[in-house]
Amino acid sequence: MVRFIRLPLLEPIVLELELELELELELELELELELRCPKREE
């Protein structure tokens, strides 16, 4: 039951971490896509 009392304090940190992770994943995906199909330079 103690956990529920501390949750409000932790929530912003968890949310921030989730956001950072999401951003990192997006960047990684973009990089991977660029590597797989490089833009054609004509």
PDB file of N, CA and C in Angstrom:
ATOM      1  N   MET A   1       0.825  -1.215   0.000  1.00  0.00           N
ATOM      2  CA  MET A   1       0.000   0.000   0.000  1.00  0.00           C
ATOM      3  C   MET A   1       0.859   1.265   0.000  1.00  0.00           C
ATOM      4  N   VAL A   2       2.041   1.153   0.511  1.00  0.00           N
ATOM      5  CA  VAL A   2       2.918   2.328   0.572  1.00  0.00           C
ATOM      6  C   VAL A   2       3.220   2.836  -0.838  1.00  0.00           C
ATOM      7  N   ARG A   3       3.306   1.922  -1.760  1.00  0.00           N
ATOM      8  CA  ARG A   3       3.643   2.280  -3.139  1.00  0.00           C
ATOM      9  C   ARG A   3       2.704   3.358  -3.690  1.00  0.00           C
ATOM     10  N   PHE A   4       1.436   3.208  -3.386  1.00  0.00           N
ATOM     11  CA  PHE A   4       0.441   4.118  -3.957  1.00  0.00           C
ATOM     12  C   PHE A   4       0.618   5.546  -3.454  1.00  0.00           C
ATOM     13  N   ILE A   5       1.192   5.672  -2.262  1.00  0.00           N
ATOM     14  CA  ILE A   5       1.401   7.014  -1.702  1.00  0.00           C
ATOM     15  C   ILE A   5       2.538   7.708  -2.463  1.00  0.00           C
ATOM     16  N   ARG A   6       3.533   6.947  -2.869  1.00  0.00           N
ATOM     17  CA  ARG A   6       4.715   7.529  -3.510  1.00  0.00           C
ATOM     18  C   ARG A   6       4.529   7.723  -5.013  1.00  0.00           C
ATOM     19  N   LEU A   7       3.518   7.111  -5.527  1.00  0.00           N
ATOM     20  CA  LEU A   7       3.303   7.158  -6.970  1.00  0.00           C
ATOM     21  C   LEU A   7       3.227   8.575  -7.550  1.00  0.00           C
ATOM     22  N   PRO A   8       2.453   9.476  -6.965  1.00  0.00           N
ATOM     23  CA  PRO A   8       2.341  10.821  -7.542  1.00  0.00           C
ATOM     24  C   PRO A   8       3.699  11.507  -7.705  1.00  0.00           C
ATOM     25  N   LEU A   9       4.607  11.233  -6.807  1.00  0.00           N
ATOM     26  CA  LEU A   9       5.932  11.849  -6.899  1.00  0.00           C
ATOM     27  C   LEU A   9       6.734  11.251  -8.051  1.00  0.00           C
ATOM     28  N   LEU A  10       6.541   9.971  -8.263  1.00  0.00           N
ATOM     29  CA  LEU A  10       7.314   9.284  -9.296  1.00  0.00           C
ATOM     30  C   LEU A  10       6.756   9.495 -10.698  1.00  0.00           C
ATOM     31  N   GLU A  11       5.485   9.740 -10.760  1.00  0.00           N
ATOM     32  CA  GLU A  11       4.827   9.785 -12.069  1.00  0.00           C
ATOM     33  C   GLU A  11       5.481  10.761 -13.059  1.00  0.00           C
ATOM     34  N   PRO A  12       5.759  11.997 -12.669  1.00  0.00           N
ATOM     35  CA  PRO A  12       6.369  12.931 -13.627  1.00  0.00           C
ATOM     36  C   PRO A  12       7.703  12.406 -14.155  1.00  0.00           C
ATOM     37  N   ILE A  13       8.460  11.777 -13.292  1.00  0.00           N
ATOM     38  CA  ILE A  13       9.762  11.246 -13.704  1.00  0.00           C
ATOM     39  C   ILE A  13       9.568  10.125 -14.719  1.00  0.00           C
ATOM     40  N   VAL A  14       8.629   9.249 -14.422  1.00  0.00           N
ATOM     41  CA  VAL A  14       8.351   8.128 -15.328  1.00  0.00           C
ATOM     42  C   VAL A  14       7.870   8.658 -16.677  1.00  0.00           C
ATOM     43  N   LEU A  15       7.001   9.648 -16.626  1.00  0.00           N
ATOM     44  CA  LEU A  15       6.474  10.229 -17.869  1.00  0.00           C
ATOM     45  C   LEU A  15       7.615  10.824 -18.688  1.00  0.00           C
ATOM     46  N   GLU A  16       8.511  11.513 -18.016  1.00  0.00           N
ATOM     47  CA  GLU A  16       9.626  12.143 -18.720  1.00  0.00           C
ATOM     48  C   GLU A  16      10.511  11.085 -19.352  1.00  0.00           C
ATOM     49  N   LEU A  17      10.756  10.033 -18.606  1.00  0.00           N
ATOM     50  CA  LEU A  17      11.582   8.934 -19.119  1.00  0.00           C
ATOM     51  C   LEU A  17      10.927   8.305 -20.337  1.00  0.00           C
ATOM     52  N   GLU A  18       9.625   8.102 -20.251  1.00  0.00           N
ATOM     53  CA  GLU A  18       8.897   7.511 -21.371  1.00  0.00           C
ATOM     54  C   GLU A  18       9.021   8.383 -22.609  1.00  0.00           C
ATOM     55  N   LEU A  19       8.885   9.670 -22.413  1.00  0.00           N
ATOM     56  CA  LEU A  19       8.997  10.613 -23.531  1.00  0.00           C
ATOM     57  C   LEU A  19      10.382  10.532 -24.152  1.00  0.00           C
ATOM     58  N   GLU A  20      11.403  10.511 -23.308  1.00  0.00           N
ATOM     59  CA  GLU A  20      12.774  10.452 -23.806  1.00  0.00           C
ATOM     60  C   GLU A  20      12.998   9.174 -24.593  1.00  0.00           C
ATOM     61  N   LEU A  21      12.488   8.086 -24.050  1.00  0.00           N
ATOM     62  CA  LEU A  21      12.627   6.795 -24.726  1.00  0.00           C
ATOM     63  C   LEU A  21      11.956   6.832 -26.090  1.00  0.00           C
ATOM     64  N   GLU A  22      10.764   7.396 -26.115  1.00  0.00           N
ATOM     65  CA  GLU A  22      10.005   7.473 -27.356  1.00  0.00           C
ATOM     66  C   GLU A  22      10.783   8.266 -28.409  1.00  0.00           C
ATOM     67  N   LEU A  23      11.337   9.375 -27.983  1.00  0.00           N
ATOM     68  CA  LEU A  23      12.107  10.218 -28.898  1.00  0.00           C
ATOM     69  C   LEU A  23      13.320   9.459 -29.420  1.00  0.00           C
ATOM     70  N   GLU A  24      13.991   8.773 -28.523  1.00  0.00           N
ATOM     71  CA  GLU A  24      15.177   8.021 -28.910  1.00  0.00           C
ATOM     72  C   GLU A  24      14.816   6.948 -29.929  1.00  0.00           C
ATOM     73  N   LEU A  25      13.726   6.266 -29.679  1.00  0.00           N
ATOM     74  CA  LEU A  25      13.274   5.208 -30.586  1.00  0.00           C
ATOM     75  C   LEU A  25      12.966   5.783 -31.962  1.00  0.00           C
ATOM     76  N   GLU A  26      12.296   6.925 -31.961  1.00  0.00           N
ATOM     77  CA  GLU A  26      11.934   7.561 -33.229  1.00  0.00           C
ATOM     78  C   GLU A  26      13.186   7.916 -34.022  1.00  0.00           C
ATOM     79  N   LEU A  27      14.163   8.470 -33.335  1.00  0.00           N
ATOM     80  CA  LEU A  27      15.410   8.849 -33.995  1.00  0.00           C
ATOM     81  C   LEU A  27      16.101   7.620 -34.570  1.00  0.00           C
ATOM     82  N   GLU A  28      16.133   6.565 -33.779  1.00  0.00           N
ATOM     83  CA  GLU A  28      16.771   5.335 -34.229  1.00  0.00           C
ATOM     84  C   GLU A  28      16.078   4.788 -35.468  1.00  0.00           C
ATOM     85  N   LEU A  29      14.772   4.817 -35.449  1.00  0.00           N
ATOM     86  CA  LEU A  29      13.993   4.320 -36.584  1.00  0.00           C
ATOM     87  C   LEU A  29      14.310   5.131 -37.832  1.00  0.00           C
ATOM     88  N   GLU A  30      14.343   6.437 -37.670  1.00  0.00           N
ATOM     89  CA  GLU A  30      14.629   7.308 -38.813  1.00  0.00           C
ATOM     90  C   GLU A  30      15.996   6.997 -39.393  1.00  0.00           C
ATOM     91  N   LEU A  31      16.964   6.838 -38.503  1.00  0.00           N
ATOM     92  CA  LEU A  31      18.325   6.540 -38.946  1.00  0.00           C
ATOM     93  C   LEU A  31      18.366   5.218 -39.702  1.00  0.00           C
ATOM     94  N   GLU A  32      17.700   4.230 -39.133  1.00  0.00           N
ATOM     95  CA  GLU A  32      17.692   2.913 -39.751  1.00  0.00           C
ATOM     96  C   GLU A  32      17.066   2.968 -41.134  1.00  0.00           C
ATOM     97  N   LEU A  33      15.980   3.707 -41.251  1.00  0.00           N
ATOM     98  CA  LEU A  33      15.296   3.840 -42.530  1.00  0.00           C
ATOM     99  C   LEU A  33      16.209   4.489 -43.558  1.00  0.00           C
ATOM    100  N   GLU A  34      16.917   5.521 -43.121  1.00  0.00           N
ATOM    101  CA  GLU A  34      17.815   6.222 -44.036  1.00  0.00           C
ATOM    102  C   GLU A  34      18.934   5.309 -44.498  1.00  0.00           C
ATOM    103  N   LEU A  35      19.392   4.465 -43.590  1.00  0.00           N
ATOM    104  CA  LEU A  35      20.479   3.548 -43.941  1.00  0.00           C
ATOM    105  C   LEU A  35      19.986   2.481 -44.914  1.00  0.00           C
ATOM    106  N   ARG A  36      18.781   2.004 -44.687  1.00  0.00           N
ATOM    107  CA  ARG A  36      18.233   0.933 -45.536  1.00  0.00           C
ATOM    108  C   ARG A  36      17.925   1.426 -46.934  1.00  0.00           C
ATOM    109  N   CYS A  37      17.248   2.555 -47.006  1.00  0.00           N
ATOM    110  CA  CYS A  37      16.956   3.088 -48.330  1.00  0.00           C
ATOM    111  C   CYS A  37      17.493   4.515 -48.421  1.00  0.00           C
ATOM    112  N   PRO A  38      18.759   4.628 -48.754  1.00  0.00           N
ATOM    113  CA  PRO A  38      19.384   5.949 -48.852  1.00  0.00           C
ATOM    114  C   PRO A  38      18.712   6.803 -49.917  1.00  0.00           C
ATOM    115  N   LYS A  39      18.688   8.081 -49.648  1.00  0.00           N
ATOM    116  CA  LYS A  39      18.065   8.982 -50.624  1.00  0.00           C
ATOM    117  C   LYS A  39      18.889   9.002 -51.907  1.00  0.00           C
ATOM    118  N   ARG A  40      18.184   8.941 -53.000  1.00  0.00           N
ATOM    119  CA  ARG A  40      18.883   8.943 -54.294  1.00  0.00           C
ATOM    120  C   ARG A  40      19.391  10.343 -54.610  1.00  0.00           C
ATOM    121  N   GLU A  41      20.658  10.411 -54.894  1.00  0.00           N
ATOM    122  CA  GLU A  41      21.218  11.709 -55.277  1.00  0.00           C
ATOM    123  C   GLU A  41      21.414  11.704 -56.777  1.00  0.00           C
ATOM    124  N   GLU A  42      20.569  12.440 -57.459  1.00  0.00           N
ATOM    125  CA  GLU A  42      20.657  12.442 -58.927  1.00  0.00           C
ATOM    126  C   GLU A  42      21.251  13.736 -59.431  1.00  0.00           C
TER     127      GLU A  42
END
